[in-house]
Amino acid sequence: MQHEREDGAPSPAGTPEFNWQAHSILIVDDEEGMRSFLERALKPRCGLVETAPDAEHAMRLMARVHFDLLILDIALPGKSGLDWLHELREAGFAGDVILITAFADLDTAINALRGGASDFILKPFRVDQILNAIKNCFQRAHLARENFILRRELAGLSVEVDGLVGHSAVMENLRAVLRRVAQTASTVLLLGESGTGKEVAARALHRMSPRAQRPFVPVNCPAIAAELIESELFGHVKGAFTGATESRNGLFYYAHGGTLFLDEISELPLPLQTRLLRVLEERRLRPVGSEREVPVDVRIIAASNRDLAAEVAAGRFRQDLYFRLAVVDIEIPPLRERAEDIPDLMRHFMNLLTAQLGVAPLAITQTLLARLTAYGWPGNVRELRNFVERSLILDGFPVETLAARSDTFSGVDLPLGEVEKRHILRMLDACGGNKSEAARRLGVSRKTLERKCAEWGESVA
């Protein structure tokens, strides 16, 4: 029994309505009546439905428009549907193909499936038969994207996906900006030092956006070899280069409808920056070795720990791409500018890692927090996380390693008062909290040392 939709078109029997508005279908059949029948059934459901009487007309349409699915008759004038299907697969067409025919035997069906057909339907058929076949194709494509994303997640992406941690003024301001920007479709450029949490911010933007139910695909640009990154992003067709033994979809394909996060985008080679700019401007891409352009519906969030304006001035980054990316640019603050968030971050990482490592949590004292707050954290939040993990493994907080690192830290210019505070606290730590010995080594009186610590809220024995 067929189920009627509000627009009067039947839905696949016994199945919930599936949203096809983002999909496009090309019907290729030499019978005008069949083309009209399928067009009437599919146009109310799909975003785009086109028809062609033969492979030649269909190829001209495919040169201009991307189609997710072909409904292809086998017995076409000129080039048969089976022969054209083989050519399409060789050329790298990755969409689904449903073959239809009035005359078929077992050998034809086997050849169709071996040639890359997604389904095979005998004429005459009912509306619900073709709708179910189409629904299955779209659902398989959707599941393939989801499975690809999940495999990347499990392959080692950050587990810190709960959002931004901390209640400092700078973090509250950052949250407010992210909430506002998330509702737009604009390209976003996240700037900040390495380890500040740019990917966490990008994930937060995605989760708060209208694209939250679609894929979030992160790409670590410097981690991909320069000669492979174009294929990785845009995909390639079989034979496009040495080793391309089969066609492959790119990361833009898997991010369709969602968000593509390009981390450390300053590392992209200049020729690829040119191609990326064209994709951003035209919302279309061409897989490596292909003659067809494919429309893309992806929001781009880029990130860099370098000053991109300086990279532009040095000729290492395209100025037009920089302006295209920086529609909205957001600075992620370093940890030293939000030191009051360290207690929240410590508790967050402690909860996260004790479960992951299967160890008991460690007590976090005020003295420890004072030491951690005084440290400069050149590696930012990532370094703090590593410190907590190392502490859990060693069953104690190795604060002496931070003091050693502070001595060599010269990544930022600090105010004189902050330098003095850090130096005094490091000396106190080196002396085991003995204020008399610390004062002697510092060349100041014990009274001066106590006064300084009182000003900073430090309790010194």
Protein backbone atom coordinates (compact mmCIF):
# COMPACT_ATOMS: atom_id res chain seq x y z
CA MET A 1 0.00 0.00 0.00
CA GLN A 2 1.32 3.46 -0.84
CA HIS A 3 1.38 6.29 1.68
CA GLU A 4 0.42 9.77 0.53
CA ARG A 5 2.39 12.88 1.44
CA GLU A 6 0.80 16.28 1.96
CA ASP A 7 1.67 17.21 -1.64
CA GLY A 8 -0.15 14.12 -2.90
CA ALA A 9 3.00 12.24 -3.94
CA PRO A 10 3.34 8.73 -2.52
CA SER A 11 6.06 7.91 -0.01
CA PRO A 12 7.87 4.56 0.01
CA ALA A 13 5.51 2.07 1.63
CA GLY A 14 6.05 1.49 5.30
CA THR A 15 9.01 3.88 5.58
CA PRO A 16 9.37 7.32 7.18
CA GLU A 17 9.67 10.27 4.83
CA PHE A 18 13.30 10.92 3.87
CA ASN A 19 14.56 14.44 3.09
CA TRP A 20 15.77 14.48 -0.51
CA GLN A 21 15.78 18.24 -1.09
CA ALA A 22 19.58 18.38 -1.01
CA HIS A 23 19.84 15.68 -3.71
CA SER A 24 19.84 15.84 -7.51
CA ILE A 25 18.75 13.12 -9.97
CA LEU A 26 19.28 12.66 -13.71
CA ILE A 27 16.84 10.39 -15.61
CA VAL A 28 18.23 8.93 -18.84
CA ASP A 29 15.66 7.03 -20.94
CA ASP A 30 14.73 7.17 -24.61
CA GLU A 31 11.03 6.68 -23.82
CA GLU A 32 9.34 10.07 -23.32
CA GLY A 33 6.52 8.48 -21.30
CA MET A 34 8.97 6.90 -18.81
CA ARG A 35 10.89 10.18 -18.43
CA SER A 36 7.64 12.05 -17.77
CA PHE A 37 6.42 9.39 -15.31
CA LEU A 38 9.64 9.50 -13.25
CA GLU A 39 9.89 13.29 -13.43
CA ARG A 40 6.38 13.72 -12.00
CA ALA A 41 7.13 11.26 -9.19
CA LEU A 42 10.48 12.77 -8.20
CA LYS A 43 10.24 16.54 -8.73
CA PRO A 44 8.05 17.15 -5.63
CA ARG A 45 10.65 15.36 -3.51
CA CYS A 46 14.09 16.25 -4.86
CA GLY A 47 16.00 19.49 -5.08
CA LEU A 48 16.75 18.96 -8.78
CA VAL A 49 15.45 16.49 -11.39
CA GLU A 50 16.65 16.58 -15.02
CA THR A 51 15.97 14.24 -17.95
CA ALA A 52 17.85 13.18 -21.09
CA PRO A 53 16.91 10.84 -23.98
CA ASP A 54 20.41 9.36 -24.46
CA ALA A 55 23.96 9.28 -23.10
CA GLU A 56 25.13 12.14 -25.33
CA HIS A 57 22.54 14.59 -23.95
CA ALA A 58 23.14 13.28 -20.42
CA MET A 59 26.89 13.92 -20.68
CA ARG A 60 26.25 17.53 -21.68
CA LEU A 61 24.04 17.98 -18.61
CA MET A 62 26.62 16.35 -16.33
CA ALA A 63 29.31 18.72 -17.61
CA ARG A 64 27.28 21.60 -16.16
CA VAL A 65 25.52 20.09 -13.14
CA HIS A 66 26.47 17.60 -10.45
CA PHE A 67 24.03 14.70 -9.97
CA ASP A 68 23.94 12.48 -6.90
CA LEU A 69 22.00 9.72 -8.66
CA LEU A 70 21.37 8.50 -12.22
CA ILE A 71 18.31 6.49 -13.26
CA LEU A 72 19.64 4.90 -16.41
CA ASP A 73 17.88 2.78 -19.03
CA ILE A 74 20.03 -0.02 -20.46
CA ALA A 75 18.58 0.04 -24.00
CA LEU A 76 19.54 3.54 -25.12
CA PRO A 77 20.02 4.62 -28.76
CA GLY A 78 23.67 4.91 -29.70
CA LYS A 79 25.68 4.05 -26.59
CA SER A 80 23.97 1.52 -24.31
CA GLY A 81 23.34 2.28 -20.67
CA LEU A 82 25.70 -0.53 -19.56
CA ASP A 83 28.56 0.70 -21.76
CA TRP A 84 28.10 4.27 -20.55
CA LEU A 85 28.00 3.09 -16.92
CA HIS A 86 31.43 1.47 -17.36
CA GLU A 87 32.76 4.71 -18.86
CA LEU A 88 31.31 6.79 -16.01
CA ARG A 89 32.96 4.64 -13.36
CA GLU A 90 36.28 4.73 -15.21
CA ALA A 91 36.01 8.55 -15.34
CA GLY A 92 35.47 8.69 -11.58
CA PHE A 93 31.71 9.28 -11.25
CA ALA A 94 31.04 8.33 -7.61
CA GLY A 95 27.26 8.80 -7.55
CA ASP A 96 24.70 6.02 -7.41
CA VAL A 97 23.25 4.53 -10.60
CA ILE A 98 19.93 2.65 -10.79
CA LEU A 99 19.61 0.67 -14.01
CA ILE A 100 16.14 0.09 -15.47
CA THR A 101 15.19 -2.13 -18.42
CA ALA A 102 12.25 -3.96 -19.97
CA PHE A 103 14.41 -6.85 -21.22
CA ALA A 104 16.92 -8.55 -18.97
CA ASP A 105 18.32 -11.92 -18.06
CA LEU A 106 20.58 -13.06 -15.24
CA ASP A 107 23.77 -12.27 -17.16
CA THR A 108 22.63 -8.70 -17.78
CA ALA A 109 21.83 -8.21 -14.10
CA ILE A 110 25.23 -9.58 -13.06
CA ASN A 111 27.04 -7.36 -15.58
CA ALA A 112 25.08 -4.36 -14.31
CA LEU A 113 26.10 -4.94 -10.71
CA ARG A 114 29.70 -5.67 -11.66
CA GLY A 115 29.72 -2.45 -13.67
CA GLY A 116 28.91 -0.45 -10.58
CA ALA A 117 25.12 -0.22 -10.61
CA SER A 118 23.57 0.39 -7.19
CA ASP A 119 20.29 -1.31 -8.11
CA PHE A 120 18.58 -3.04 -11.02
CA ILE A 121 14.82 -2.70 -11.68
CA LEU A 122 12.69 -4.35 -14.34
CA LYS A 123 10.05 -2.39 -16.25
CA PRO A 124 7.20 -1.95 -15.67
CA PHE A 125 7.60 -0.97 -12.01
CA ARG A 126 5.46 0.79 -9.41
CA VAL A 127 6.27 4.21 -7.97
CA ASP A 128 7.03 2.79 -4.55
CA GLN A 129 9.62 0.40 -6.06
CA ILE A 130 11.70 3.19 -7.59
CA LEU A 131 11.26 5.39 -4.52
CA ASN A 132 12.52 2.65 -2.22
CA ALA A 133 15.51 2.07 -4.49
CA ILE A 134 16.34 5.78 -4.48
CA LYS A 135 15.88 6.03 -0.72
CA ASN A 136 18.27 3.13 -0.19
CA CYS A 137 20.89 4.80 -2.40
CA PHE A 138 20.67 8.11 -0.54
CA GLN A 139 20.80 6.40 2.84
CA ARG A 140 23.85 4.33 1.85
CA ALA A 141 25.64 7.49 0.72
CA HIS A 142 24.71 9.20 4.00
CA LEU A 143 25.96 6.23 6.04
CA ALA A 144 29.19 6.08 4.04
CA ARG A 145 29.88 9.71 4.95
CA GLU A 146 29.06 9.09 8.61
CA ASN A 147 31.26 5.99 8.77
CA PHE A 148 34.16 7.89 7.22
CA ILE A 149 33.83 10.67 9.78
CA LEU A 150 33.61 8.19 12.68
CA ARG A 151 36.73 6.37 11.50
CA ARG A 152 38.63 9.67 11.48
CA GLU A 153 37.32 10.46 14.97
CA LEU A 154 38.51 7.10 16.28
CA ALA A 155 41.85 7.44 14.53
CA GLY A 156 43.08 9.88 17.12
CA LEU A 157 41.18 13.13 17.08
CA SER A 158 41.04 15.15 20.28
CA VAL A 159 38.81 13.75 23.01
CA GLU A 160 38.23 17.23 24.37
CA VAL A 161 34.95 17.80 22.59
CA ASP A 162 32.88 18.90 25.58
CA GLY A 163 33.51 22.54 24.77
CA LEU A 164 35.45 25.44 26.15
CA VAL A 165 36.38 25.22 29.83
CA GLY A 166 36.76 28.18 32.18
CA HIS A 167 34.81 31.17 33.44
CA SER A 168 37.31 33.99 33.08
CA ALA A 169 36.16 37.23 31.46
CA VAL A 170 38.08 36.47 28.25
CA MET A 171 36.46 33.03 27.96
CA GLU A 172 32.97 34.36 28.59
CA ASN A 173 33.57 36.94 25.87
CA LEU A 174 34.86 34.23 23.53
CA ARG A 175 31.75 32.12 24.14
CA ALA A 176 29.50 35.09 23.34
CA VAL A 177 31.34 35.72 20.06
CA LEU A 178 31.20 32.03 19.08
CA ARG A 179 27.47 31.85 19.81
CA ARG A 180 26.82 34.85 17.58
CA VAL A 181 29.07 33.72 14.72
CA ALA A 182 27.83 30.11 14.81
CA GLN A 183 24.41 31.10 13.45
CA THR A 184 25.90 32.51 10.24
CA ALA A 185 27.28 30.66 7.23
CA SER A 186 30.35 32.91 7.05
CA THR A 187 33.88 31.60 6.81
CA VAL A 188 35.73 31.90 10.13
CA LEU A 189 39.46 32.29 10.81
CA LEU A 190 40.63 31.24 14.28
CA LEU A 191 43.94 32.73 15.36
CA GLY A 192 46.05 31.92 18.39
CA GLU A 193 49.18 30.24 19.66
CA SER A 194 49.68 26.50 19.32
CA GLY A 195 47.77 24.56 21.96
CA THR A 196 45.21 27.23 22.82
CA GLY A 197 42.26 25.09 21.73
CA LYS A 198 41.42 26.30 18.23
CA GLU A 199 39.93 22.93 17.25
CA VAL A 200 37.81 22.91 20.42
CA ALA A 201 36.51 26.36 19.43
CA ALA A 202 35.86 25.14 15.87
CA ARG A 203 33.88 22.17 17.17
CA ALA A 204 31.90 24.49 19.44
CA LEU A 205 31.08 26.68 16.42
CA HIS A 206 29.88 23.62 14.52
CA ARG A 207 27.76 22.27 17.39
CA MET A 208 25.99 25.61 17.84
CA SER A 209 25.39 26.09 14.10
CA PRO A 210 22.45 24.99 11.92
CA ARG A 211 24.88 22.39 10.48
CA ALA A 212 25.28 20.61 13.83
CA GLN A 213 23.65 17.40 12.58
CA ARG A 214 25.96 17.18 9.57
CA PRO A 215 29.66 16.13 9.54
CA PHE A 216 32.52 18.03 11.18
CA VAL A 217 35.71 17.10 9.30
CA PRO A 218 39.02 18.34 10.73
CA VAL A 219 42.13 18.49 8.52
CA ASN A 220 45.62 18.98 9.94
CA CYS A 221 47.19 20.62 6.89
CA PRO A 222 50.91 20.14 7.77
CA ALA A 223 50.31 16.46 8.58
CA ILE A 224 49.50 15.66 4.91
CA ALA A 225 52.31 15.46 2.36
CA ALA A 226 52.29 18.43 -0.02
CA GLU A 227 51.97 16.18 -3.08
CA LEU A 228 48.90 14.42 -1.61
CA ILE A 229 46.92 17.20 0.04
CA GLU A 230 45.13 18.30 -3.17
CA SER A 231 43.81 14.77 -3.71
CA GLU A 232 43.01 14.46 0.00
CA LEU A 233 40.85 17.59 -0.05
CA PHE A 234 39.26 17.41 -3.50
CA GLY A 235 39.43 13.70 -4.34
CA HIS A 236 40.78 12.17 -7.57
CA VAL A 237 39.74 9.93 -10.44
CA LYS A 238 41.34 6.65 -11.40
CA GLY A 239 44.64 7.17 -13.23
CA ALA A 240 44.94 10.84 -12.22
CA PHE A 241 48.52 10.22 -11.01
CA THR A 242 50.90 7.34 -10.34
CA GLY A 243 49.33 5.08 -7.74
CA ALA A 244 45.76 6.26 -8.31
CA THR A 245 44.44 2.77 -9.02
CA GLU A 246 40.86 3.75 -8.21
CA SER A 247 38.76 6.89 -7.84
CA ARG A 248 38.48 8.39 -4.38
CA ASN A 249 36.30 11.05 -2.79
CA GLY A 250 37.97 13.96 -1.01
CA LEU A 251 37.33 15.46 2.40
CA PHE A 252 35.10 18.14 0.90
CA TYR A 253 32.78 15.32 -0.19
CA TYR A 254 32.62 13.84 3.31
CA ALA A 255 32.00 17.28 4.85
CA HIS A 256 29.02 17.91 2.54
CA GLY A 257 26.37 19.95 4.34
CA GLY A 258 28.64 20.32 7.38
CA THR A 259 31.90 21.98 8.41
CA LEU A 260 35.46 21.51 7.13
CA PHE A 261 38.09 22.63 9.66
CA LEU A 262 41.45 23.48 8.07
CA ASP A 263 43.96 23.58 10.91
CA GLU A 264 47.31 25.37 10.39
CA ILE A 265 46.16 26.61 6.99
CA SER A 266 49.32 28.69 6.63
CA GLU A 267 51.10 25.41 5.75
CA LEU A 268 49.11 24.94 2.53
CA PRO A 269 51.32 25.18 -0.59
CA LEU A 270 50.69 28.31 -2.66
CA PRO A 271 49.24 26.45 -5.71
CA LEU A 272 46.70 24.75 -3.46
CA GLN A 273 45.84 28.10 -1.86
CA THR A 274 44.80 29.22 -5.37
CA ARG A 275 42.54 26.20 -5.82
CA LEU A 276 41.03 26.62 -2.35
CA LEU A 277 40.23 30.27 -3.07
CA ARG A 278 38.39 29.26 -6.25
CA VAL A 279 36.36 26.66 -4.35
CA LEU A 280 35.41 29.21 -1.69
CA GLU A 281 34.34 31.76 -4.28
CA GLU A 282 32.50 29.47 -6.72
CA ARG A 283 31.36 26.76 -4.27
CA ARG A 284 32.46 24.15 -6.82
CA LEU A 285 35.51 21.89 -7.04
CA ARG A 286 37.16 19.67 -9.61
CA PRO A 287 38.62 16.35 -8.40
CA VAL A 288 42.23 15.76 -9.50
CA GLY A 289 42.25 14.39 -13.05
CA SER A 290 38.53 14.99 -13.62
CA GLU A 291 36.92 17.20 -16.22
CA ARG A 292 33.71 17.60 -14.19
CA GLU A 293 33.10 20.22 -11.52
CA VAL A 294 31.18 19.22 -8.41
CA PRO A 295 29.13 21.70 -6.32
CA VAL A 296 30.04 21.85 -2.63
CA ASP A 297 27.98 22.87 0.37
CA VAL A 298 30.57 23.18 3.14
CA ARG A 299 31.31 25.80 5.76
CA ILE A 300 35.01 26.50 6.13
CA ILE A 301 36.62 27.21 9.49
CA ALA A 302 40.37 27.81 9.20
CA ALA A 303 42.97 28.18 11.94
CA SER A 304 46.56 29.34 12.19
CA ASN A 305 49.11 29.90 14.94
CA ARG A 306 51.02 32.23 12.64
CA ASP A 307 50.37 35.88 11.87
CA LEU A 308 48.74 35.45 8.46
CA ALA A 309 49.04 39.16 7.67
CA ALA A 310 52.81 38.81 8.13
CA GLU A 311 52.77 35.65 5.99
CA VAL A 312 51.00 37.63 3.26
CA ALA A 313 53.62 40.40 3.48
CA ALA A 314 56.38 37.78 3.20
CA GLY A 315 54.75 36.28 0.09
CA ARG A 316 54.05 32.93 1.72
CA PHE A 317 50.26 33.28 1.82
CA ARG A 318 47.87 34.64 -0.79
CA GLN A 319 46.39 37.99 0.16
CA ASP A 320 43.07 37.30 -1.59
CA LEU A 321 42.70 33.96 0.25
CA TYR A 322 43.53 35.67 3.55
CA PHE A 323 40.75 38.23 3.05
CA ARG A 324 38.35 35.49 1.92
CA LEU A 325 39.04 33.44 5.06
CA ALA A 326 39.02 36.33 7.51
CA VAL A 327 35.37 37.25 7.00
CA VAL A 328 35.22 36.78 10.77
CA ASP A 329 38.52 36.38 12.61
CA ILE A 330 38.51 35.28 16.24
CA GLU A 331 41.53 35.32 18.55
CA ILE A 332 41.80 32.39 20.98
CA PRO A 333 43.57 33.69 24.12
CA PRO A 334 46.72 31.99 25.42
CA LEU A 335 46.50 30.28 28.81
CA ARG A 336 48.70 32.88 30.53
CA GLU A 337 45.98 35.50 29.80
CA ARG A 338 43.31 33.34 31.44
CA ALA A 339 45.26 31.85 34.34
CA GLU A 340 42.17 32.00 36.55
CA ASP A 341 40.76 29.18 34.41
CA ILE A 342 43.55 26.79 35.42
CA PRO A 343 41.59 25.28 38.39
CA ASP A 344 38.61 24.51 36.09
CA LEU A 345 40.91 23.08 33.44
CA MET A 346 42.76 20.95 35.99
CA ARG A 347 39.50 19.43 37.22
CA HIS A 348 38.27 18.92 33.66
CA PHE A 349 41.43 17.08 32.59
CA MET A 350 41.56 15.13 35.85
CA ASN A 351 38.02 13.81 35.29
CA LEU A 352 38.73 13.08 31.65
CA LEU A 353 42.04 11.31 32.11
CA THR A 354 41.40 9.30 35.27
CA ALA A 355 38.66 7.43 33.41
CA GLN A 356 40.84 7.07 30.33
CA LEU A 357 43.94 5.86 32.20
CA GLY A 358 42.09 3.87 34.85
CA VAL A 359 43.89 5.57 37.76
CA ALA A 360 42.77 7.40 40.91
CA PRO A 361 42.59 11.23 40.84
CA LEU A 362 45.20 13.33 42.63
CA ALA A 363 44.42 16.00 45.20
CA ILE A 364 44.68 19.55 43.83
CA THR A 365 45.91 21.93 46.53
CA GLN A 366 45.94 25.71 46.61
CA THR A 367 49.74 25.68 46.78
CA LEU A 368 49.85 23.60 43.59
CA LEU A 369 47.40 25.92 41.85
CA ALA A 370 49.51 28.91 42.84
CA ARG A 371 52.57 27.31 41.25
CA LEU A 372 50.64 26.43 38.10
CA THR A 373 49.17 29.92 37.85
CA ALA A 374 52.64 31.46 38.11
CA TYR A 375 53.98 29.35 35.25
CA GLY A 376 53.90 30.83 31.74
CA TRP A 377 52.49 27.76 29.89
CA PRO A 378 54.20 28.26 26.51
CA GLY A 379 52.36 25.17 25.25
CA ASN A 380 49.05 26.59 26.53
CA VAL A 381 46.09 24.30 27.29
CA ARG A 382 47.70 21.36 25.48
CA GLU A 383 50.73 21.59 27.76
CA LEU A 384 48.49 21.71 30.85
CA ARG A 385 46.65 18.61 29.69
CA ASN A 386 49.94 16.79 29.15
CA PHE A 387 51.08 17.88 32.63
CA VAL A 388 47.94 16.40 34.20
CA GLU A 389 48.36 13.16 32.25
CA ARG A 390 52.03 12.90 33.24
CA SER A 391 51.11 13.57 36.87
CA LEU A 392 48.48 10.82 36.91
CA ILE A 393 50.92 8.34 35.41
CA LEU A 394 53.65 9.27 37.94
CA ASP A 395 51.14 9.50 40.85
CA GLY A 396 52.34 13.00 41.73
CA PHE A 397 52.67 16.50 40.29
CA PRO A 398 56.20 17.06 38.91
CA VAL A 399 56.17 20.84 39.37
CA GLU A 400 59.96 20.93 39.20
CA THR A 401 59.72 20.21 35.47
CA LEU A 402 57.68 23.38 35.05
CA ALA A 403 60.30 25.43 36.87
CA ALA A 404 62.96 24.04 34.54
CA ARG A 405 60.89 24.91 31.53
CA SER A 406 60.19 28.40 32.83
CA ASP A 407 63.91 29.12 32.90
CA THR A 408 64.10 28.54 29.17
CA PHE A 409 60.75 30.08 28.27
CA SER A 410 61.15 33.19 26.18
CA GLY A 411 58.14 32.95 23.90
CA VAL A 412 56.47 36.16 25.12
CA ASP A 413 57.36 39.53 26.63
CA LEU A 414 56.10 39.69 30.23
CA PRO A 415 55.66 42.70 32.52
CA LEU A 416 58.50 43.21 35.01
CA GLY A 417 56.20 42.47 37.96
CA GLU A 418 55.17 39.13 36.44
CA VAL A 419 58.82 38.17 35.81
CA GLU A 420 59.64 39.00 39.44
CA LYS A 421 56.71 36.99 40.75
CA ARG A 422 57.57 33.93 38.70
CA HIS A 423 61.23 34.08 39.65
CA ILE A 424 60.47 34.34 43.38
CA LEU A 425 57.94 31.50 43.30
CA ARG A 426 60.35 29.29 41.37
CA MET A 427 63.03 29.95 43.98
CA LEU A 428 60.59 29.14 46.78
CA ASP A 429 59.73 25.92 45.03
CA ALA A 430 63.41 25.06 44.57
CA CYS A 431 63.97 25.62 48.31
CA GLY A 432 61.07 23.39 49.29
CA GLY A 433 59.10 26.37 50.61
CA ASN A 434 61.88 27.47 53.04
CA LYS A 435 61.42 31.25 52.96
CA SER A 436 64.68 32.02 54.80
CA GLU A 437 66.78 30.05 52.32
CA ALA A 438 64.83 31.47 49.38
CA ALA A 439 65.33 35.04 50.65
CA ARG A 440 69.06 34.37 51.08
CA ARG A 441 69.41 33.09 47.50
CA LEU A 442 67.36 35.96 46.15
CA GLY A 443 69.41 38.54 48.05
CA VAL A 444 66.38 40.06 49.81
CA SER A 445 65.17 40.07 53.39
CA ARG A 446 62.74 37.49 54.64
CA LYS A 447 60.31 40.31 55.47
CA THR A 448 60.41 41.51 51.84
CA LEU A 449 59.75 37.99 50.62
CA GLU A 450 56.76 37.57 52.95
CA ARG A 451 55.34 40.93 51.87
CA LYS A 452 55.61 39.99 48.19
CA CYS A 453 53.89 36.65 48.77
CA ALA A 454 51.12 38.35 50.76
CA GLU A 455 50.49 40.71 47.85
CA TRP A 456 50.10 37.73 45.53
CA GLY A 457 47.90 35.80 47.94
CA GLU A 458 50.59 33.20 48.56
CA SER A 459 50.84 31.43 51.92
CA VAL A 460 54.51 30.80 52.75
CA ALA A 461 55.48 28.66 55.74
